[in-house]
Every structure is written in structure tokens, then in C-alpha cells.
Amino acid sequence: MRTVYVTALLFLAFLSNAVAQTEKGRWLVGAQVGDLAYRKMKNDLGNNFTVSLTPSVGYFLVKNLSIGVVVPVTVNNSDLGYSASYFSRSVGIGPSIQYYVGNVNVKPFVGLGYTYNWNYTKWSDPNPANESVSKGYDDNLTPSAGVAFFFNRNVLLSAGLS
């Protein structure tokens, strides 16, 4: 029974500090993992590895309003098993803005981000005539919405759609 009381007190202590997370002058540093997968193809004829990571940093200009920078990175590498392979990489940078609603430890948010991405793709084949490389860029405007749960003054976990 004593463990239950201690756990409840610690939980309340964490919650009491949570409302200060989105105050003016605070920094927000994090990363979003969009995809992390390794797949073995049928009959052991190859594999595929994909990772998508978006580190970000933000600053609260006023209470509940954050502006920041995101750096999305995506890598896809496929070995197709018959000496053919596919590799793609995309690296970007751009500004973002998020607004958190409320003064409690569970806060809905809405946001908007823009990224400019540099892309590289290479297809390798046993027949050199079929090999290709492409380079280019794209840009994305991404609205988002979700909910952030503030464990304490310094830690949050958010889930959202963008």
C-alpha cells in the first residue's frame, strides 16, 4: 500500500510542473520517427531497409506558440537479390509553427510546416544499360494536428497527423 502512495505522490509532482512547458522563452527539442522498417523479401531474394527521422528544435515566442526548424531525413535501401539494388535519400530543412491549446498537461495542438528537400535516387542493375541516377528537389507544405502529453516540465510525448 505504501508503494501506491509514493507512486501517486510522484505522479502528482510530475503533473504540477507540466504547465510550465509551453511558457514564453522555453525551448522544445525533439525528433519524430516516421518509419523504421526492415523487410526480408519472399524466398530470401533480397531485403529492404527504410528509415525516416525528423529532428526539430523550437522556441516559444509567447505562451503556447512555438516556431522552429525541422530537418527531415529519409533513406530507403533495397537489395533485390539478383544483383539489382535501389537506393534513395532525401534530406530537407524548413520552418515550422505550432500552437498548443490549454493550460493542463494534455494539450491539443495545431501546426504548419514547410520543407525544402534534396533528393537522390540510384537504381543499379546487372545490365549497365539499365542503371540510372536521378537528383532533384521538392518542397512540402504540411499542416498538422494532434495531442501532446506533458509528463513533466521537460518531457512530452505527442501523437498527431500531418
N, C-alpha and C. Protein backbone atom coordinates (compact mmCIF):
# COMPACT_ATOMS: atom_id res chain seq x y z
N MET A 1 0.82 -1.19 0.00
CA MET A 1 0.00 0.00 0.00
C MET A 1 0.87 1.26 0.00
N ARG A 2 1.99 1.18 0.70
CA ARG A 2 2.89 2.33 0.76
C ARG A 2 3.41 2.69 -0.63
N THR A 3 3.68 1.68 -1.46
CA THR A 3 4.15 1.90 -2.83
C THR A 3 3.13 2.67 -3.64
N VAL A 4 1.88 2.40 -3.44
CA VAL A 4 0.82 3.10 -4.17
C VAL A 4 0.83 4.59 -3.80
N TYR A 5 0.98 4.91 -2.52
CA TYR A 5 1.00 6.31 -2.10
C TYR A 5 2.23 7.05 -2.66
N VAL A 6 3.37 6.40 -2.62
CA VAL A 6 4.60 7.03 -3.14
C VAL A 6 4.46 7.26 -4.65
N THR A 7 3.93 6.27 -5.36
CA THR A 7 3.73 6.42 -6.80
C THR A 7 2.76 7.55 -7.11
N ALA A 8 1.67 7.64 -6.36
CA ALA A 8 0.69 8.71 -6.57
C ALA A 8 1.31 10.08 -6.31
N LEU A 9 2.11 10.21 -5.26
CA LEU A 9 2.77 11.48 -4.96
C LEU A 9 3.76 11.89 -6.06
N LEU A 10 4.54 10.93 -6.55
CA LEU A 10 5.47 11.23 -7.64
C LEU A 10 4.72 11.66 -8.90
N PHE A 11 3.64 10.97 -9.19
CA PHE A 11 2.83 11.31 -10.37
C PHE A 11 2.29 12.73 -10.25
N LEU A 12 1.76 13.10 -9.09
CA LEU A 12 1.25 14.45 -8.88
C LEU A 12 2.36 15.49 -8.97
N ALA A 13 3.55 15.16 -8.49
CA ALA A 13 4.68 16.08 -8.57
C ALA A 13 5.05 16.34 -10.02
N PHE A 14 5.04 15.29 -10.85
CA PHE A 14 5.33 15.47 -12.27
C PHE A 14 4.27 16.34 -12.93
N LEU A 15 3.00 16.11 -12.61
CA LEU A 15 1.92 16.86 -13.24
C LEU A 15 1.93 18.33 -12.84
N SER A 16 2.33 18.63 -11.64
CA SER A 16 2.31 20.01 -11.18
C SER A 16 3.31 20.87 -11.95
N ASN A 17 4.37 20.30 -12.46
CA ASN A 17 5.36 21.05 -13.22
C ASN A 17 5.05 21.10 -14.70
N ALA A 18 4.07 20.36 -15.17
CA ALA A 18 3.83 20.22 -16.60
C ALA A 18 3.34 21.50 -17.26
N VAL A 19 2.63 22.33 -16.56
CA VAL A 19 2.04 23.51 -17.19
C VAL A 19 3.08 24.54 -17.59
N ALA A 20 4.28 24.48 -17.08
CA ALA A 20 5.32 25.45 -17.43
C ALA A 20 6.02 25.11 -18.74
N GLN A 21 5.72 24.00 -19.34
CA GLN A 21 6.41 23.54 -20.54
C GLN A 21 6.30 24.51 -21.71
N THR A 22 5.16 25.13 -21.93
CA THR A 22 4.96 25.97 -23.11
C THR A 22 4.99 27.47 -22.79
N GLU A 23 5.69 27.84 -21.75
CA GLU A 23 5.82 29.25 -21.39
C GLU A 23 6.76 29.98 -22.35
N LYS A 24 6.58 31.27 -22.47
CA LYS A 24 7.45 32.11 -23.30
C LYS A 24 8.91 31.92 -22.89
N GLY A 25 9.79 31.78 -23.89
CA GLY A 25 11.22 31.65 -23.63
C GLY A 25 11.73 30.23 -23.48
N ARG A 26 10.85 29.24 -23.47
CA ARG A 26 11.27 27.83 -23.35
C ARG A 26 11.65 27.28 -24.71
N TRP A 27 12.52 26.28 -24.72
CA TRP A 27 12.94 25.60 -25.94
C TRP A 27 12.27 24.24 -26.02
N LEU A 28 12.04 23.79 -27.23
CA LEU A 28 11.46 22.47 -27.48
C LEU A 28 12.38 21.76 -28.46
N VAL A 29 12.96 20.64 -28.04
CA VAL A 29 13.87 19.87 -28.88
C VAL A 29 13.33 18.45 -28.96
N GLY A 30 13.27 17.91 -30.18
CA GLY A 30 12.73 16.56 -30.30
C GLY A 30 13.03 15.94 -31.64
N ALA A 31 12.44 14.78 -31.86
CA ALA A 31 12.60 14.07 -33.12
C ALA A 31 11.35 13.22 -33.35
N GLN A 32 10.99 13.11 -34.59
CA GLN A 32 9.85 12.29 -34.99
C GLN A 32 10.38 11.13 -35.83
N VAL A 33 9.99 9.91 -35.47
CA VAL A 33 10.34 8.75 -36.27
C VAL A 33 9.10 8.40 -37.07
N GLY A 34 9.18 8.59 -38.39
CA GLY A 34 8.03 8.34 -39.25
C GLY A 34 7.97 6.92 -39.75
N ASP A 35 9.11 6.30 -39.99
CA ASP A 35 9.14 4.94 -40.50
C ASP A 35 10.50 4.35 -40.15
N LEU A 36 10.48 3.15 -39.62
CA LEU A 36 11.70 2.41 -39.34
C LEU A 36 11.35 0.95 -39.60
N ALA A 37 11.86 0.42 -40.71
CA ALA A 37 11.44 -0.93 -41.09
C ALA A 37 12.56 -1.68 -41.80
N TYR A 38 12.61 -2.97 -41.53
CA TYR A 38 13.47 -3.89 -42.25
C TYR A 38 12.58 -5.04 -42.70
N ARG A 39 12.60 -5.32 -43.98
CA ARG A 39 11.76 -6.39 -44.53
C ARG A 39 12.62 -7.36 -45.32
N LYS A 40 12.44 -8.62 -45.02
CA LYS A 40 13.08 -9.69 -45.79
C LYS A 40 12.10 -10.10 -46.87
N MET A 41 12.55 -10.14 -48.12
CA MET A 41 11.66 -10.49 -49.22
C MET A 41 11.45 -12.00 -49.31
N LYS A 42 10.40 -12.36 -49.97
CA LYS A 42 10.00 -13.76 -50.11
C LYS A 42 11.13 -14.60 -50.72
N ASN A 43 11.28 -15.81 -50.23
CA ASN A 43 12.29 -16.77 -50.71
C ASN A 43 13.72 -16.25 -50.56
N ASP A 44 13.94 -15.37 -49.61
CA ASP A 44 15.28 -14.80 -49.36
C ASP A 44 15.92 -14.19 -50.60
N LEU A 45 15.10 -13.56 -51.42
CA LEU A 45 15.62 -12.96 -52.65
C LEU A 45 16.03 -11.51 -52.47
N GLY A 46 16.07 -11.02 -51.27
CA GLY A 46 16.51 -9.66 -51.05
C GLY A 46 15.94 -9.10 -49.77
N ASN A 47 16.20 -7.81 -49.55
CA ASN A 47 15.69 -7.15 -48.36
C ASN A 47 15.50 -5.67 -48.64
N ASN A 48 14.80 -5.02 -47.71
CA ASN A 48 14.53 -3.60 -47.81
C ASN A 48 14.68 -2.98 -46.43
N PHE A 49 15.39 -1.86 -46.38
CA PHE A 49 15.54 -1.11 -45.13
C PHE A 49 15.10 0.32 -45.38
N THR A 50 14.23 0.84 -44.50
CA THR A 50 13.72 2.20 -44.62
C THR A 50 13.79 2.88 -43.26
N VAL A 51 14.25 4.12 -43.23
CA VAL A 51 14.22 4.91 -42.01
C VAL A 51 13.84 6.35 -42.38
N SER A 52 12.99 6.94 -41.57
CA SER A 52 12.57 8.32 -41.75
C SER A 52 12.62 9.00 -40.39
N LEU A 53 13.46 10.02 -40.26
CA LEU A 53 13.68 10.70 -38.99
C LEU A 53 13.62 12.20 -39.22
N THR A 54 12.93 12.91 -38.32
CA THR A 54 12.82 14.36 -38.44
C THR A 54 13.19 15.03 -37.12
N PRO A 55 14.46 15.38 -36.93
CA PRO A 55 14.83 16.17 -35.75
C PRO A 55 14.25 17.58 -35.87
N SER A 56 13.96 18.18 -34.72
CA SER A 56 13.39 19.53 -34.73
C SER A 56 13.81 20.30 -33.48
N VAL A 57 13.79 21.60 -33.59
CA VAL A 57 14.03 22.48 -32.46
C VAL A 57 13.05 23.65 -32.59
N GLY A 58 12.49 24.07 -31.47
CA GLY A 58 11.54 25.17 -31.48
C GLY A 58 11.73 26.07 -30.28
N TYR A 59 11.19 27.27 -30.38
CA TYR A 59 11.29 28.26 -29.32
C TYR A 59 9.91 28.88 -29.12
N PHE A 60 9.48 29.01 -27.88
CA PHE A 60 8.17 29.60 -27.59
C PHE A 60 8.29 31.12 -27.54
N LEU A 61 7.76 31.77 -28.58
CA LEU A 61 7.77 33.24 -28.65
C LEU A 61 6.85 33.83 -27.59
N VAL A 62 5.68 33.25 -27.46
CA VAL A 62 4.71 33.61 -26.44
C VAL A 62 4.17 32.30 -25.87
N LYS A 63 3.38 32.38 -24.84
CA LYS A 63 2.83 31.18 -24.24
C LYS A 63 2.05 30.36 -25.27
N ASN A 64 2.38 29.08 -25.39
CA ASN A 64 1.72 28.10 -26.25
C ASN A 64 2.01 28.25 -27.75
N LEU A 65 2.83 29.19 -28.19
CA LEU A 65 3.14 29.38 -29.61
C LEU A 65 4.64 29.16 -29.85
N SER A 66 4.95 28.12 -30.62
CA SER A 66 6.33 27.73 -30.88
C SER A 66 6.65 27.91 -32.36
N ILE A 67 7.82 28.49 -32.65
CA ILE A 67 8.35 28.49 -34.02
C ILE A 67 9.65 27.70 -33.98
N GLY A 68 9.97 27.06 -35.11
CA GLY A 68 11.17 26.26 -35.09
C GLY A 68 11.66 25.84 -36.45
N VAL A 69 12.59 24.91 -36.44
CA VAL A 69 13.20 24.38 -37.66
C VAL A 69 13.13 22.86 -37.59
N VAL A 70 12.78 22.25 -38.73
CA VAL A 70 12.77 20.79 -38.85
C VAL A 70 13.76 20.37 -39.93
N VAL A 71 14.35 19.18 -39.76
CA VAL A 71 15.32 18.63 -40.71
C VAL A 71 14.92 17.18 -41.02
N PRO A 72 14.02 16.98 -41.99
CA PRO A 72 13.61 15.60 -42.31
C PRO A 72 14.68 14.86 -43.11
N VAL A 73 14.92 13.59 -42.73
CA VAL A 73 15.88 12.73 -43.42
C VAL A 73 15.20 11.39 -43.67
N THR A 74 15.22 10.92 -44.91
CA THR A 74 14.64 9.63 -45.26
C THR A 74 15.64 8.85 -46.10
N VAL A 75 15.84 7.58 -45.75
CA VAL A 75 16.73 6.70 -46.50
C VAL A 75 15.99 5.40 -46.78
N ASN A 76 16.08 4.93 -48.02
CA ASN A 76 15.49 3.65 -48.42
C ASN A 76 16.54 2.89 -49.21
N ASN A 77 16.86 1.67 -48.76
CA ASN A 77 17.85 0.85 -49.43
C ASN A 77 17.26 -0.53 -49.66
N SER A 78 17.20 -0.96 -50.93
CA SER A 78 16.65 -2.27 -51.27
C SER A 78 17.67 -3.07 -52.05
N ASP A 79 17.92 -4.28 -51.58
CA ASP A 79 18.73 -5.24 -52.31
C ASP A 79 17.75 -6.26 -52.87
N LEU A 80 17.65 -6.32 -54.20
CA LEU A 80 16.62 -7.14 -54.81
C LEU A 80 17.04 -8.58 -55.08
N GLY A 81 18.22 -8.96 -54.65
CA GLY A 81 18.60 -10.36 -54.67
C GLY A 81 19.20 -10.88 -55.97
N TYR A 82 19.02 -10.24 -57.07
CA TYR A 82 19.59 -10.71 -58.34
C TYR A 82 20.57 -9.66 -58.86
N SER A 83 21.39 -9.15 -57.95
CA SER A 83 22.41 -8.14 -58.22
C SER A 83 21.84 -6.79 -58.60
N ALA A 84 20.57 -6.60 -58.34
CA ALA A 84 19.96 -5.29 -58.57
C ALA A 84 19.70 -4.63 -57.21
N SER A 85 19.78 -3.31 -57.18
CA SER A 85 19.53 -2.60 -55.93
C SER A 85 18.93 -1.23 -56.23
N TYR A 86 18.26 -0.72 -55.22
CA TYR A 86 17.63 0.59 -55.29
C TYR A 86 18.01 1.34 -54.03
N PHE A 87 18.44 2.60 -54.18
CA PHE A 87 18.80 3.42 -53.04
C PHE A 87 18.21 4.81 -53.25
N SER A 88 17.56 5.35 -52.22
CA SER A 88 17.08 6.73 -52.29
C SER A 88 17.35 7.43 -50.97
N ARG A 89 17.60 8.73 -51.07
CA ARG A 89 17.88 9.56 -49.90
C ARG A 89 17.22 10.91 -50.11
N SER A 90 16.61 11.43 -49.07
CA SER A 90 16.02 12.76 -49.10
C SER A 90 16.40 13.47 -47.81
N VAL A 91 16.93 14.68 -47.94
CA VAL A 91 17.31 15.50 -46.79
C VAL A 91 16.71 16.88 -47.01
N GLY A 92 16.07 17.41 -45.98
CA GLY A 92 15.42 18.71 -46.13
C GLY A 92 15.64 19.60 -44.92
N ILE A 93 15.12 20.81 -45.04
CA ILE A 93 15.14 21.77 -43.93
C ILE A 93 13.98 22.74 -44.14
N GLY A 94 13.43 23.23 -43.04
CA GLY A 94 12.35 24.19 -43.16
C GLY A 94 11.83 24.67 -41.83
N PRO A 95 11.04 25.75 -41.87
CA PRO A 95 10.45 26.31 -40.66
C PRO A 95 9.16 25.58 -40.28
N SER A 96 8.80 25.69 -39.01
CA SER A 96 7.53 25.15 -38.54
C SER A 96 6.96 26.07 -37.46
N ILE A 97 5.66 25.98 -37.28
CA ILE A 97 4.98 26.73 -36.23
C ILE A 97 3.93 25.82 -35.62
N GLN A 98 3.81 25.85 -34.28
CA GLN A 98 2.81 25.05 -33.58
C GLN A 98 2.16 25.88 -32.50
N TYR A 99 0.85 25.68 -32.35
CA TYR A 99 0.11 26.35 -31.28
C TYR A 99 -0.55 25.29 -30.41
N TYR A 100 -0.26 25.34 -29.10
CA TYR A 100 -0.82 24.41 -28.12
C TYR A 100 -1.99 25.09 -27.43
N VAL A 101 -3.07 24.33 -27.19
CA VAL A 101 -4.29 24.88 -26.60
C VAL A 101 -4.41 24.39 -25.16
N GLY A 102 -4.63 25.32 -24.23
CA GLY A 102 -4.91 24.94 -22.85
C GLY A 102 -3.75 25.16 -21.92
N ASN A 103 -4.03 24.91 -20.63
CA ASN A 103 -3.04 25.09 -19.58
C ASN A 103 -2.89 23.85 -18.71
N VAL A 104 -3.18 22.69 -19.25
CA VAL A 104 -3.08 21.44 -18.50
C VAL A 104 -1.97 20.58 -19.11
N ASN A 105 -1.76 19.39 -18.55
CA ASN A 105 -0.66 18.57 -19.05
C ASN A 105 -1.02 17.81 -20.33
N VAL A 106 -2.27 17.78 -20.74
CA VAL A 106 -2.66 17.19 -22.02
C VAL A 106 -3.16 18.35 -22.89
N LYS A 107 -2.39 18.67 -23.95
CA LYS A 107 -2.71 19.85 -24.76
C LYS A 107 -2.86 19.47 -26.23
N PRO A 108 -4.02 19.76 -26.81
CA PRO A 108 -4.14 19.62 -28.26
C PRO A 108 -3.26 20.67 -28.93
N PHE A 109 -2.81 20.38 -30.16
CA PHE A 109 -2.02 21.37 -30.89
C PHE A 109 -2.37 21.33 -32.37
N VAL A 110 -2.12 22.44 -33.03
CA VAL A 110 -2.20 22.54 -34.49
C VAL A 110 -0.89 23.15 -34.96
N GLY A 111 -0.49 22.81 -36.17
CA GLY A 111 0.78 23.33 -36.66
C GLY A 111 0.82 23.41 -38.17
N LEU A 112 1.86 24.05 -38.65
CA LEU A 112 2.10 24.17 -40.07
C LEU A 112 3.60 24.17 -40.30
N GLY A 113 4.05 23.39 -41.28
CA GLY A 113 5.47 23.32 -41.57
C GLY A 113 5.71 23.38 -43.07
N TYR A 114 6.88 23.83 -43.43
CA TYR A 114 7.31 23.88 -44.83
C TYR A 114 8.71 23.29 -44.88
N THR A 115 8.96 22.40 -45.85
CA THR A 115 10.31 21.87 -46.01
C THR A 115 10.74 21.90 -47.47
N TYR A 116 11.99 22.14 -47.67
CA TYR A 116 12.64 22.09 -48.98
C TYR A 116 13.56 20.88 -48.91
N ASN A 117 13.37 19.90 -49.81
CA ASN A 117 14.09 18.62 -49.73
C ASN A 117 14.96 18.39 -50.96
N TRP A 118 16.18 17.90 -50.72
CA TRP A 118 17.07 17.47 -51.79
C TRP A 118 16.98 15.95 -51.89
N ASN A 119 16.77 15.43 -53.10
CA ASN A 119 16.55 14.01 -53.31
C ASN A 119 17.63 13.40 -54.20
N TYR A 120 17.97 12.16 -53.90
CA TYR A 120 18.93 11.41 -54.69
C TYR A 120 18.41 9.98 -54.79
N THR A 121 18.39 9.43 -56.01
CA THR A 121 17.93 8.07 -56.23
C THR A 121 18.89 7.38 -57.19
N LYS A 122 19.22 6.10 -56.87
CA LYS A 122 20.09 5.33 -57.75
C LYS A 122 19.52 3.92 -57.90
N TRP A 123 19.40 3.49 -59.14
CA TRP A 123 18.97 2.13 -59.49
C TRP A 123 20.17 1.43 -60.11
N SER A 124 20.58 0.30 -59.52
CA SER A 124 21.69 -0.49 -60.06
C SER A 124 21.13 -1.81 -60.55
N ASP A 125 21.67 -2.28 -61.68
CA ASP A 125 21.15 -3.49 -62.32
C ASP A 125 22.34 -4.26 -62.88
N PRO A 126 22.23 -5.60 -63.02
CA PRO A 126 23.33 -6.35 -63.65
C PRO A 126 23.64 -5.86 -65.06
N ASN A 127 22.65 -5.36 -65.74
CA ASN A 127 22.84 -4.80 -67.08
C ASN A 127 23.14 -3.31 -66.94
N PRO A 128 24.37 -2.87 -67.22
CA PRO A 128 24.72 -1.46 -67.04
C PRO A 128 23.83 -0.49 -67.82
N ALA A 129 23.21 -0.93 -68.88
CA ALA A 129 22.33 -0.06 -69.65
C ALA A 129 21.08 0.32 -68.87
N ASN A 130 20.72 -0.47 -67.86
CA ASN A 130 19.51 -0.20 -67.07
C ASN A 130 19.78 0.62 -65.81
N GLU A 131 21.03 0.95 -65.53
CA GLU A 131 21.35 1.73 -64.33
C GLU A 131 20.95 3.19 -64.54
N SER A 132 20.50 3.82 -63.44
CA SER A 132 20.12 5.23 -63.53
C SER A 132 20.34 5.93 -62.20
N VAL A 133 20.58 7.23 -62.29
CA VAL A 133 20.74 8.09 -61.13
C VAL A 133 19.90 9.33 -61.38
N SER A 134 19.16 9.75 -60.36
CA SER A 134 18.40 11.00 -60.50
C SER A 134 18.61 11.85 -59.25
N LYS A 135 18.67 13.15 -59.48
CA LYS A 135 18.83 14.12 -58.41
C LYS A 135 17.77 15.19 -58.62
N GLY A 136 17.27 15.74 -57.55
CA GLY A 136 16.27 16.78 -57.69
C GLY A 136 15.87 17.35 -56.34
N TYR A 137 14.77 18.05 -56.33
CA TYR A 137 14.28 18.64 -55.11
C TYR A 137 12.76 18.64 -55.14
N ASP A 138 12.19 18.79 -53.97
CA ASP A 138 10.75 19.02 -53.85
C ASP A 138 10.54 19.87 -52.61
N ASP A 139 9.36 20.42 -52.50
CA ASP A 139 9.01 21.18 -51.30
C ASP A 139 7.63 20.75 -50.85
N ASN A 140 7.42 20.83 -49.54
CA ASN A 140 6.18 20.37 -48.93
C ASN A 140 5.64 21.40 -47.96
N LEU A 141 4.35 21.61 -48.01
CA LEU A 141 3.63 22.41 -47.02
C LEU A 141 2.78 21.43 -46.24
N THR A 142 3.01 21.31 -44.93
CA THR A 142 2.41 20.25 -44.14
C THR A 142 1.63 20.80 -42.95
N PRO A 143 0.30 20.76 -43.00
CA PRO A 143 -0.48 21.08 -41.80
C PRO A 143 -0.45 19.87 -40.85
N SER A 144 -0.60 20.12 -39.55
CA SER A 144 -0.60 19.02 -38.58
C SER A 144 -1.55 19.34 -37.43
N ALA A 145 -2.00 18.29 -36.77
CA ALA A 145 -2.85 18.43 -35.59
C ALA A 145 -2.62 17.20 -34.72
N GLY A 146 -2.73 17.38 -33.41
CA GLY A 146 -2.52 16.25 -32.53
C GLY A 146 -2.70 16.63 -31.08
N VAL A 147 -2.18 15.76 -30.21
CA VAL A 147 -2.26 15.95 -28.76
C VAL A 147 -0.89 15.70 -28.17
N ALA A 148 -0.48 16.57 -27.27
CA ALA A 148 0.79 16.41 -26.57
C ALA A 148 0.51 16.13 -25.10
N PHE A 149 1.15 15.11 -24.56
CA PHE A 149 1.04 14.79 -23.14
C PHE A 149 2.34 15.16 -22.47
N PHE A 150 2.27 16.10 -21.54
CA PHE A 150 3.45 16.58 -20.83
C PHE A 150 3.63 15.77 -19.55
N PHE A 151 4.66 14.91 -19.52
CA PHE A 151 4.94 14.11 -18.34
C PHE A 151 5.41 14.99 -17.19
N ASN A 152 6.24 15.97 -17.51
CA ASN A 152 6.72 16.92 -16.52
C ASN A 152 7.17 18.17 -17.27
N ARG A 153 7.89 19.01 -16.61
CA ARG A 153 8.33 20.29 -17.19
C ARG A 153 9.22 20.11 -18.41
N ASN A 154 9.93 18.97 -18.51
CA ASN A 154 10.93 18.80 -19.55
C ASN A 154 10.65 17.67 -20.53
N VAL A 155 9.61 16.87 -20.32
CA VAL A 155 9.38 15.71 -21.17
C VAL A 155 7.94 15.68 -21.65
N LEU A 156 7.78 15.46 -22.98
CA LEU A 156 6.43 15.31 -23.52
C LEU A 156 6.44 14.21 -24.57
N LEU A 157 5.27 13.66 -24.79
CA LEU A 157 5.05 12.67 -25.83
C LEU A 157 3.85 13.15 -26.63
N SER A 158 4.00 13.24 -27.94
CA SER A 158 2.88 13.73 -28.74
C SER A 158 2.54 12.73 -29.82
N ALA A 159 1.27 12.76 -30.20
CA ALA A 159 0.77 11.95 -31.31
C ALA A 159 -0.04 12.89 -32.20
N GLY A 160 0.18 12.76 -33.51
CA GLY A 160 -0.52 13.66 -34.40
C GLY A 160 -0.59 13.15 -35.82
N LEU A 161 -1.33 13.86 -36.61
CA LEU A 161 -1.46 13.58 -38.03
C LEU A 161 -0.94 14.78 -38.79
N SER A 162 -0.25 14.49 -39.89
CA SER A 162 0.23 15.59 -40.74
C SER A 162 0.15 15.19 -42.18
